[in-house]
Amino acid sequence: MRIRQWKHKLKFKMLVLFTTAAVLMLSLLGLFIYQSTKSTLRQDAIKYNTALVQQLTSNLDVYFNNVSTILYTIAGNSETAAALETYDDNYQRQVDSNWFFHALLLSYSQVNPFLEDLIIIRNGRAIYNIAANSNDRFYEFQHAPWFSAAGLGAGKVVFIGPHEHNYYINPLPSGQVVSALIAIYSPFQTSKEPQGHLLADISLAEIQSLINQTGKAARGDLYVLNEKNEVLLQSFSLNEADHTTHVNLNLPERPEESGVFFDAVNGIQSLVIFNSSSTTGWKTAIVIPEATIFESTGKIRWATALVVSISIVIMVALSYVLANAITKPLSRLMATMAQVGRGQYDQEVEVTTQDEIGLLTKEYNKMLRKLDHLVKENYLVAIESKEARYQALRAKFNPHFFNNVLQTIRGLAVLERHSDIEQLIEQLGEMFAYVLYEDEEWVDLEKEMNYLSLYLSSYQWKGSRNFSFKIQADDAAKNVQVPKLLLQPLVENALKHGGRKDGAPLEICVIAIMANDKVKIEVRDNGDGIEPLRLDMLNRHLLGEHTGLDRVGIIHVKERLKLAYDSDAKLEVSSTTGKGTTAAIVIPAITSRK
């Protein structure tokens, strides 16, 4: 079950890893393609429409430059200023001036087909015009808002956006006109006021036609704006019902020649491209909704998403096949390892591939064969060696006990304490039965504690040491299995090294405490303690460092714990000078041994 779970876990991880990598890679690729397409469409739209706006500006400037040239030529003619200056001298002079104006204006009006009319203005009123429609000679031009706002200067042509032409007796065919205005000065006059003005009415229909014609090649709206960014003209190449002059293009008010930016126009995010006319000062702009530029990206987005989705499905399938191809041989290896862990060393794994996993399987089979051979050759020898070492350790402890008992009996015999000898021999018989005739290697902790009680009691007979002892164990700890004679060397150390220089009685306490699944056994004394240097060496030796203390009894206890419990047991020694020493053993609470 664990192998299957491990296999599925690894397969799942590989599947998630490969799939995640594929999804990220394909998603990034799809996003890159989508963004690259958008960037290309944006750049193409900017490039194409910038050229379109520049072309429209250039075409309009051609006609407006022609009008400017005509106005400059007429206004700069000294005879024009002279005719205006002497116009009111007498009736004959007016007739002569009108004939002059007629000949002059007629010759220039035929040059530019956009011109609706050329009007000579004196003292704010029209005195002559070339068009068939007569002017209202009483119309006060200086009171018209578009006229007064022109801001004329000497030798300057000012272009005026579309406005009403209510200064004609008979209206012109077009509802509005675009005008160009220039002041006429005499080269010899001293007054700052001009002799008059020359007004050119330009056909709005012709200009609108030019804008609309250009707008057919555009995918947005074309606008002509004045210096205040007010819309003067706009194209109607798409849907006239959707157009309005109430737009705010947020063009820069400073005289920038051209610009490209994205901004909200009438609440719609749009691309705005503009170019300024060097002749009129007006700006020609095109406004293209962002959705119009990127309308083809919708199909590209769905196509990319479809391709990415299909690719992800394919990658998931490939990832599953790849993960299965990797984990299947590994699962066979793990199954064999589990059998080897149970002692079946004659297992081999079938080699199904020639890749790295196949090479690993071959080397693993070689290792199994060698391991099987070594186990068969050395297993019994190792077991016998371990048992022999265990028995040797036990043998080291018993002589200490017998020597102490014999010395005690000898002393009692010298003193002729026959009854005490009889009692000691009875205790000795019980201890011999425990040590020699009970063959168990593992005994209950209660038996071990009883043996220690007999041992310490027999030691008290010796009479050379003044000491008392207490042996106590938790009820739950009494049935725990321990190696026989494990604690005796610790008690011997307490008797041998736990003396007090002040002659006070020695107290030895052996306590076993149950804590969860562990048993802690402490052997304490109230002796003078161990010198700090020797205590440090002893603890370092218990941790595995070689310090030259191999013949110390507590080291033998450490070795027996290692043989019996491997790394599951712990032995620690603590000591305080003048207060005593404590040896603590912590072992697993095992109540039965097979």
Foldseek 3Di string as FASTA:
>chain_A
DVLVVVLVVLLVVLLCVLLVVLLVVLVVVLVVVLVVVLVVLVVVQCVVVLVLQVVLLVVVCVQLVLVLVLQLVQLVPLVLQVLLVCCPVDPVSVVVSQVVCQVSQVVSCVVHVQWQKKFWFAPQFTSDINHPFDFQRPDRNCPDVQSVPQPADASDKAKTFWDADVRTPDGDPDRTWIKIKHFHANPPDDDPHGSTMMMTTGHPVVSQVSQQVSCLPPQFKKFKAALVRQTRDIYCNDPVVPDDSPWDPVDDSPQDQWDWDWDQIVNFTWIKIWGAHPSHRIIMITTHGSCSSCVVSVVSSVVSVVVSVVSSVVSSVVSSVVSCVVSVLVSQVVVVVVVVVVVPLQDAGDQDDDDPSSVVSVVVRVVSVVVVVCCVVCVVVVVVVLVVVLVVLVVVLVVVQVVLLVLLLVVCVVVVVVVVNVVLVVLVVVLCCVSPVDPDQKDFVLVQLVSVVSSVVSNVSSVPAAEEEEEEEDPLRRLFIDGHPLCVLVVVCCVVVFAAPVNDYKYWYWYWYDDPQKIKIKIKIFGQKDDPVVLVLVQVVLVPDDDPPCPRSVVSSSVSCCSVPNPQKHWHKDIDGRGIIMIMIMHGRHRDDD
